[in-house]
Amino acid sequence: RDLSESGGLDLWVSDGTAQGTVVLTALVPGRTGNVGSLTAAGDRLFFSLADVDRGEELWVSDGTAEGTAFVKDIYPGPGGSEPSRHSFPVATDDSVFFGATDPEHGDELWVSDGTAEGTQLLCEVVPGTGGSNPEHFRVAGSHLFFTAQTLEHGRQLWSVPIDVSPAAEFALTPEGCSRARTVELDASGSSTPEGTAI
């Protein structure tokens, strides 16, 4: 990434030579911010980028200008779903897990395979528009672990089973998410369950 005349930090690709070092996002029409939340999944790179029509949303690149594309307008209109304001996304071989906001569910956990059809809500911890502000994403074995905020329990560790095999199809319902464990908060107002790395 580098600062360019487009007015922000751009996504670049390089083969290690000057001739093979090119910018991929400088020509995105109406872009209004920096490239952020870079996360590799297999041979592709997911990232967030904002433009005037859609706000900040999820993008994907295969390292070519032709293969660098907007994924889905999760929050329709210029407001944007703002995936970069969460912890860094986490990826399996071909999918990325991230926090995003939409008008119906608020701020919750999403998954994307790089297509609009394969970008969907994975877990609704807090029903309705309030959202749970998911953070600290980690894949361990066949589960995705993350923290989420609820009025009843505060910020706690949650998990959802996932298929980490290549070309996995995610057809999970919010009922697949579960609170991993209740922990008592210390004087600082936060706590990490023993033996759990977040």
C-alpha atoms as a PDB file:
ATOM      1  CA  ARG A   1       0.000   0.000   0.000  1.00  0.00           C
ATOM      2  CA  ASP A   2       1.151   3.538  -0.631  1.00  0.00           C
ATOM      3  CA  LEU A   3      -0.119   7.088  -0.653  1.00  0.00           C
ATOM      4  CA  SER A   4      -1.251   8.073  -4.150  1.00  0.00           C
ATOM      5  CA  GLU A   5      -2.957  10.880  -5.986  1.00  0.00           C
ATOM      6  CA  SER A   6      -6.293   9.113  -5.428  1.00  0.00           C
ATOM      7  CA  GLY A   7      -6.368  10.691  -1.979  1.00  0.00           C
ATOM      8  CA  GLY A   8      -5.728   7.692   0.246  1.00  0.00           C
ATOM      9  CA  LEU A   9      -3.885   4.448   0.811  1.00  0.00           C
ATOM     10  CA  ASP A  10      -4.201   2.129  -2.167  1.00  0.00           C
ATOM     11  CA  LEU A  11      -3.806  -1.600  -2.738  1.00  0.00           C
ATOM     12  CA  TRP A  12      -0.690  -2.485  -4.742  1.00  0.00           C
ATOM     13  CA  VAL A  13       0.695  -5.747  -6.107  1.00  0.00           C
ATOM     14  CA  SER A  14       4.321  -6.543  -6.866  1.00  0.00           C
ATOM     15  CA  ASP A  15       6.365  -9.375  -8.360  1.00  0.00           C
ATOM     16  CA  GLY A  16       9.520  -7.827  -6.899  1.00  0.00           C
ATOM     17  CA  THR A  17      10.382  -5.647  -9.895  1.00  0.00           C
ATOM     18  CA  ALA A  18       9.633  -1.993 -10.620  1.00  0.00           C
ATOM     19  CA  GLN A  19       7.792  -2.935 -13.808  1.00  0.00           C
ATOM     20  CA  GLY A  20       5.724  -5.534 -11.959  1.00  0.00           C
ATOM     21  CA  THR A  21       4.655  -3.201  -9.157  1.00  0.00           C
ATOM     22  CA  VAL A  22       1.258  -1.700  -9.942  1.00  0.00           C
ATOM     23  CA  VAL A  23      -1.650  -0.119  -8.100  1.00  0.00           C
ATOM     24  CA  LEU A  24      -4.971  -1.968  -8.131  1.00  0.00           C
ATOM     25  CA  THR A  25      -7.465   0.411  -6.524  1.00  0.00           C
ATOM     26  CA  ALA A  26      -6.492   3.957  -7.579  1.00  0.00           C
ATOM     27  CA  LEU A  27      -9.042   3.936 -10.404  1.00  0.00           C
ATOM     28  CA  VAL A  28     -12.035   2.898  -8.261  1.00  0.00           C
ATOM     29  CA  PRO A  29     -14.680   5.529  -9.148  1.00  0.00           C
ATOM     30  CA  GLY A  30     -15.660   7.809  -6.306  1.00  0.00           C
ATOM     31  CA  ARG A  31     -13.492   6.219  -3.658  1.00  0.00           C
ATOM     32  CA  THR A  32     -13.447   8.187  -0.418  1.00  0.00           C
ATOM     33  CA  GLY A  33     -11.085   6.393   1.962  1.00  0.00           C
ATOM     34  CA  ASN A  34      -8.180   4.057   2.502  1.00  0.00           C
ATOM     35  CA  VAL A  35      -7.825   0.364   1.846  1.00  0.00           C
ATOM     36  CA  GLY A  36      -8.120  -1.459   5.190  1.00  0.00           C
ATOM     37  CA  SER A  37      -8.527  -4.811   6.957  1.00  0.00           C
ATOM     38  CA  LEU A  38      -6.360  -6.754   4.483  1.00  0.00           C
ATOM     39  CA  THR A  39      -6.969 -10.494   4.970  1.00  0.00           C
ATOM     40  CA  ALA A  40      -5.618 -13.287   2.753  1.00  0.00           C
ATOM     41  CA  ALA A  41      -7.849 -16.294   2.007  1.00  0.00           C
ATOM     42  CA  GLY A  42      -6.199 -18.827  -0.282  1.00  0.00           C
ATOM     43  CA  ASP A  43      -4.919 -16.988  -3.357  1.00  0.00           C
ATOM     44  CA  ARG A  44      -7.164 -13.959  -2.861  1.00  0.00           C
ATOM     45  CA  LEU A  45      -7.051 -10.876  -0.664  1.00  0.00           C
ATOM     46  CA  PHE A  46     -10.129  -9.437   1.038  1.00  0.00           C
ATOM     47  CA  PHE A  47     -10.140  -5.797   2.116  1.00  0.00           C
ATOM     48  CA  SER A  48     -12.450  -2.887   2.911  1.00  0.00           C
ATOM     49  CA  LEU A  49     -12.802   0.217   0.776  1.00  0.00           C
ATOM     50  CA  ALA A  50     -15.284   3.120   0.673  1.00  0.00           C
ATOM     51  CA  ASP A  51     -16.838   4.928  -2.256  1.00  0.00           C
ATOM     52  CA  VAL A  52     -19.455   7.675  -2.448  1.00  0.00           C
ATOM     53  CA  ASP A  53     -22.331   5.434  -3.541  1.00  0.00           C
ATOM     54  CA  ARG A  54     -21.916   2.473  -1.156  1.00  0.00           C
ATOM     55  CA  GLY A  55     -19.834   3.691   1.771  1.00  0.00           C
ATOM     56  CA  GLU A  56     -17.273   1.282   3.229  1.00  0.00           C
ATOM     57  CA  GLU A  57     -17.858  -2.310   2.127  1.00  0.00           C
ATOM     58  CA  LEU A  58     -16.030  -5.586   1.448  1.00  0.00           C
ATOM     59  CA  TRP A  59     -13.829  -5.986  -1.654  1.00  0.00           C
ATOM     60  CA  VAL A  60     -11.714  -8.859  -2.989  1.00  0.00           C
ATOM     61  CA  SER A  61      -8.689  -9.128  -5.277  1.00  0.00           C
ATOM     62  CA  ASP A  62      -6.820 -11.940  -7.010  1.00  0.00           C
ATOM     63  CA  GLY A  63      -3.833  -9.646  -7.590  1.00  0.00           C
ATOM     64  CA  THR A  64      -4.978  -8.301 -10.959  1.00  0.00           C
ATOM     65  CA  ALA A  65      -6.863  -5.127 -11.838  1.00  0.00           C
ATOM     66  CA  GLU A  66      -9.542  -7.192 -13.568  1.00  0.00           C
ATOM     67  CA  GLY A  67      -9.887  -9.459 -10.538  1.00  0.00           C
ATOM     68  CA  THR A  68     -10.204  -6.625  -8.003  1.00  0.00           C
ATOM     69  CA  ALA A  69     -13.893  -6.133  -7.303  1.00  0.00           C
ATOM     70  CA  PHE A  70     -16.574  -4.963  -4.922  1.00  0.00           C
ATOM     71  CA  VAL A  71     -18.243  -7.956  -3.209  1.00  0.00           C
ATOM     72  CA  LYS A  72     -21.622  -6.911  -1.779  1.00  0.00           C
ATOM     73  CA  ASP A  73     -23.531  -3.856  -0.585  1.00  0.00           C
ATOM     74  CA  ILE A  74     -24.286  -5.251   2.891  1.00  0.00           C
ATOM     75  CA  TYR A  75     -25.652  -1.939   4.115  1.00  0.00           C
ATOM     76  CA  PRO A  76     -27.490  -0.534   1.080  1.00  0.00           C
ATOM     77  CA  GLY A  77     -26.749   3.059   0.226  1.00  0.00           C
ATOM     78  CA  PRO A  78     -23.840   5.348   1.115  1.00  0.00           C
ATOM     79  CA  GLY A  79     -23.756   4.451   4.823  1.00  0.00           C
ATOM     80  CA  GLY A  80     -21.694   1.268   4.411  1.00  0.00           C
ATOM     81  CA  SER A  81     -21.363  -1.801   6.629  1.00  0.00           C
ATOM     82  CA  GLU A  82     -17.928  -0.631   7.899  1.00  0.00           C
ATOM     83  CA  PRO A  83     -16.052  -3.950   8.233  1.00  0.00           C
ATOM     84  CA  SER A  84     -12.783  -2.149   9.050  1.00  0.00           C
ATOM     85  CA  ARG A  85     -14.002  -0.815  12.423  1.00  0.00           C
ATOM     86  CA  HIS A  86     -13.871  -4.340  13.902  1.00  0.00           C
ATOM     87  CA  SER A  87     -10.927  -6.554  14.747  1.00  0.00           C
ATOM     88  CA  PHE A  88      -9.117  -7.871  11.691  1.00  0.00           C
ATOM     89  CA  PRO A  89     -11.150 -10.513   9.842  1.00  0.00           C
ATOM     90  CA  VAL A  90     -10.010 -14.134   9.934  1.00  0.00           C
ATOM     91  CA  ALA A  91      -9.924 -16.509   6.961  1.00  0.00           C
ATOM     92  CA  THR A  92     -10.016 -20.167   6.014  1.00  0.00           C
ATOM     93  CA  ASP A  93      -8.787 -21.433   2.641  1.00  0.00           C
ATOM     94  CA  ASP A  94     -11.434 -19.645   0.624  1.00  0.00           C
ATOM     95  CA  SER A  95     -13.685 -17.662   2.961  1.00  0.00           C
ATOM     96  CA  VAL A  96     -13.365 -14.716   5.328  1.00  0.00           C
ATOM     97  CA  PHE A  97     -15.230 -14.080   8.608  1.00  0.00           C
ATOM     98  CA  PHE A  98     -15.794 -10.487   9.662  1.00  0.00           C
ATOM     99  CA  GLY A  99     -18.055  -8.087  11.527  1.00  0.00           C
ATOM    100  CA  ALA A 100     -20.439  -5.893   9.536  1.00  0.00           C
ATOM    101  CA  THR A 101     -23.580  -3.810  10.010  1.00  0.00           C
ATOM    102  CA  ASP A 102     -26.837  -3.995   8.088  1.00  0.00           C
ATOM    103  CA  PRO A 103     -30.190  -2.267   8.729  1.00  0.00           C
ATOM    104  CA  GLU A 104     -32.013  -5.467   9.732  1.00  0.00           C
ATOM    105  CA  HIS A 105     -29.540  -7.078  12.160  1.00  0.00           C
ATOM    106  CA  GLY A 106     -27.229  -4.327  13.342  1.00  0.00           C
ATOM    107  CA  ASP A 107     -23.560  -5.163  13.896  1.00  0.00           C
ATOM    108  CA  GLU A 108     -23.074  -8.958  13.673  1.00  0.00           C
ATOM    109  CA  LEU A 109     -20.850 -11.766  12.338  1.00  0.00           C
ATOM    110  CA  TRP A 110     -20.706 -12.346   8.564  1.00  0.00           C
ATOM    111  CA  VAL A 111     -18.955 -14.740   6.174  1.00  0.00           C
ATOM    112  CA  SER A 112     -17.960 -14.276   2.533  1.00  0.00           C
ATOM    113  CA  ASP A 113     -16.525 -16.481  -0.205  1.00  0.00           C
ATOM    114  CA  GLY A 114     -15.866 -13.446  -2.398  1.00  0.00           C
ATOM    115  CA  THR A 115     -19.220 -13.502  -4.194  1.00  0.00           C
ATOM    116  CA  ALA A 116     -22.391 -11.545  -3.457  1.00  0.00           C
ATOM    117  CA  GLU A 117     -24.368 -14.782  -3.141  1.00  0.00           C
ATOM    118  CA  GLY A 118     -21.813 -16.286  -0.765  1.00  0.00           C
ATOM    119  CA  THR A 119     -21.689 -13.236   1.514  1.00  0.00           C
ATOM    120  CA  GLN A 120     -24.198 -13.717   4.314  1.00  0.00           C
ATOM    121  CA  LEU A 121     -25.000 -13.239   7.968  1.00  0.00           C
ATOM    122  CA  LEU A 122     -23.405 -16.103   9.904  1.00  0.00           C
ATOM    123  CA  CYS A 123     -24.513 -15.432  13.459  1.00  0.00           C
ATOM    124  CA  GLU A 124     -27.043 -13.052  15.044  1.00  0.00           C
ATOM    125  CA  VAL A 125     -26.065 -12.975  18.718  1.00  0.00           C
ATOM    126  CA  VAL A 126     -28.467 -10.142  19.574  1.00  0.00           C
ATOM    127  CA  PRO A 127     -31.814 -10.447  17.732  1.00  0.00           C
ATOM    128  CA  GLY A 128     -33.048  -7.289  16.081  1.00  0.00           C
ATOM    129  CA  THR A 129     -31.168  -4.179  15.047  1.00  0.00           C
ATOM    130  CA  GLY A 130     -29.059  -3.705  18.195  1.00  0.00           C
ATOM    131  CA  GLY A 131     -26.123  -5.877  17.178  1.00  0.00           C
ATOM    132  CA  SER A 132     -23.430  -7.532  19.302  1.00  0.00           C
ATOM    133  CA  ASN A 133     -20.270  -5.827  17.958  1.00  0.00           C
ATOM    134  CA  PRO A 134     -18.292  -9.074  17.308  1.00  0.00           C
ATOM    135  CA  GLU A 135     -14.518  -8.879  17.732  1.00  0.00           C
ATOM    136  CA  HIS A 136     -11.347 -11.009  18.210  1.00  0.00           C
ATOM    137  CA  PHE A 137     -12.014 -13.619  15.532  1.00  0.00           C
ATOM    138  CA  ARG A 138     -10.046 -16.885  15.693  1.00  0.00           C
ATOM    139  CA  VAL A 139     -10.439 -20.236  13.929  1.00  0.00           C
ATOM    140  CA  ALA A 140      -9.520 -23.296  15.993  1.00  0.00           C
ATOM    141  CA  GLY A 141     -10.297 -26.750  14.675  1.00  0.00           C
ATOM    142  CA  SER A 142     -13.832 -26.813  13.319  1.00  0.00           C
ATOM    143  CA  HIS A 143     -15.031 -23.723  15.210  1.00  0.00           C
ATOM    144  CA  LEU A 144     -14.820 -19.984  14.859  1.00  0.00           C
ATOM    145  CA  PHE A 145     -14.367 -18.223  18.196  1.00  0.00           C
ATOM    146  CA  PHE A 146     -15.117 -14.551  18.766  1.00  0.00           C
ATOM    147  CA  THR A 147     -16.246 -12.150  21.469  1.00  0.00           C
ATOM    148  CA  ALA A 148     -19.660 -10.478  21.404  1.00  0.00           C
ATOM    149  CA  GLN A 149     -21.534  -8.007  23.576  1.00  0.00           C
ATOM    150  CA  THR A 150     -25.005  -8.622  25.027  1.00  0.00           C
ATOM    151  CA  LEU A 151     -27.010  -6.772  27.664  1.00  0.00           C
ATOM    152  CA  GLU A 152     -27.356  -9.932  29.754  1.00  0.00           C
ATOM    153  CA  HIS A 153     -23.738 -11.116  29.805  1.00  0.00           C
ATOM    154  CA  GLY A 154     -21.620  -8.189  28.643  1.00  0.00           C
ATOM    155  CA  ARG A 155     -18.703  -9.122  26.391  1.00  0.00           C
ATOM    156  CA  GLN A 156     -18.165 -12.878  26.384  1.00  0.00           C
ATOM    157  CA  LEU A 157     -16.575 -15.608  24.293  1.00  0.00           C
ATOM    158  CA  TRP A 158     -18.818 -17.160  21.632  1.00  0.00           C
ATOM    159  CA  SER A 159     -18.319 -19.925  19.081  1.00  0.00           C
ATOM    160  CA  VAL A 160     -19.922 -21.217  15.905  1.00  0.00           C
ATOM    161  CA  PRO A 161     -19.148 -24.485  14.089  1.00  0.00           C
ATOM    162  CA  ILE A 162     -17.721 -24.017  10.595  1.00  0.00           C
ATOM    163  CA  ASP A 163     -16.601 -26.237   7.762  1.00  0.00           C
ATOM    164  CA  VAL A 164     -12.960 -25.332   7.099  1.00  0.00           C
ATOM    165  CA  SER A 165     -12.607 -27.624   4.081  1.00  0.00           C
ATOM    166  CA  PRO A 166     -12.003 -26.016   0.659  1.00  0.00           C
ATOM    167  CA  ALA A 167     -15.122 -24.807  -1.173  1.00  0.00           C
ATOM    168  CA  ALA A 168     -17.253 -25.165   1.972  1.00  0.00           C
ATOM    169  CA  GLU A 169     -20.789 -23.879   1.695  1.00  0.00           C
ATOM    170  CA  PHE A 170     -22.079 -21.996   4.742  1.00  0.00           C
ATOM    171  CA  ALA A 171     -25.730 -22.611   5.451  1.00  0.00           C
ATOM    172  CA  LEU A 172     -25.654 -21.878   9.142  1.00  0.00           C
ATOM    173  CA  THR A 173     -28.466 -20.367  11.192  1.00  0.00           C
ATOM    174  CA  PRO A 174     -28.073 -18.025  14.171  1.00  0.00           C
ATOM    175  CA  GLU A 175     -28.978 -20.983  16.403  1.00  0.00           C
ATOM    176  CA  GLY A 176     -25.566 -22.445  15.540  1.00  0.00           C
ATOM    177  CA  CYS A 177     -23.865 -19.791  17.666  1.00  0.00           C
ATOM    178  CA  SER A 178     -23.403 -20.394  21.348  1.00  0.00           C
ATOM    179  CA  ARG A 179     -21.806 -18.634  24.267  1.00  0.00           C
ATOM    180  CA  ALA A 180     -18.671 -20.631  25.006  1.00  0.00           C
ATOM    181  CA  ARG A 181     -18.467 -19.888  28.711  1.00  0.00           C
ATOM    182  CA  THR A 182     -19.553 -17.391  31.341  1.00  0.00           C
ATOM    183  CA  VAL A 183     -16.673 -15.636  33.070  1.00  0.00           C
ATOM    184  CA  GLU A 184     -16.593 -13.133  35.901  1.00  0.00           C
ATOM    185  CA  LEU A 185     -15.245  -9.684  35.095  1.00  0.00           C
ATOM    186  CA  ASP A 186     -12.282  -8.391  37.041  1.00  0.00           C
ATOM    187  CA  ALA A 187     -11.866  -4.891  38.399  1.00  0.00           C
ATOM    188  CA  SER A 188     -10.876  -3.582  34.979  1.00  0.00           C
ATOM    189  CA  GLY A 189     -14.220  -4.692  33.540  1.00  0.00           C
ATOM    190  CA  SER A 190     -12.941  -7.487  31.324  1.00  0.00           C
ATOM    191  CA  SER A 191     -11.709 -11.042  31.587  1.00  0.00           C
ATOM    192  CA  THR A 192     -10.356 -13.778  29.334  1.00  0.00           C
ATOM    193  CA  PRO A 193     -11.420 -17.376  30.035  1.00  0.00           C
ATOM    194  CA  GLU A 194      -8.571 -19.493  31.346  1.00  0.00           C
ATOM    195  CA  GLY A 195      -6.816 -21.416  28.605  1.00  0.00           C
ATOM    196  CA  THR A 196      -8.431 -19.400  25.824  1.00  0.00           C
ATOM    197  CA  ALA A 197      -6.293 -17.210  23.594  1.00  0.00           C
ATOM    198  CA  ILE A 198      -8.084 -14.193  22.185  1.00  0.00           C
END
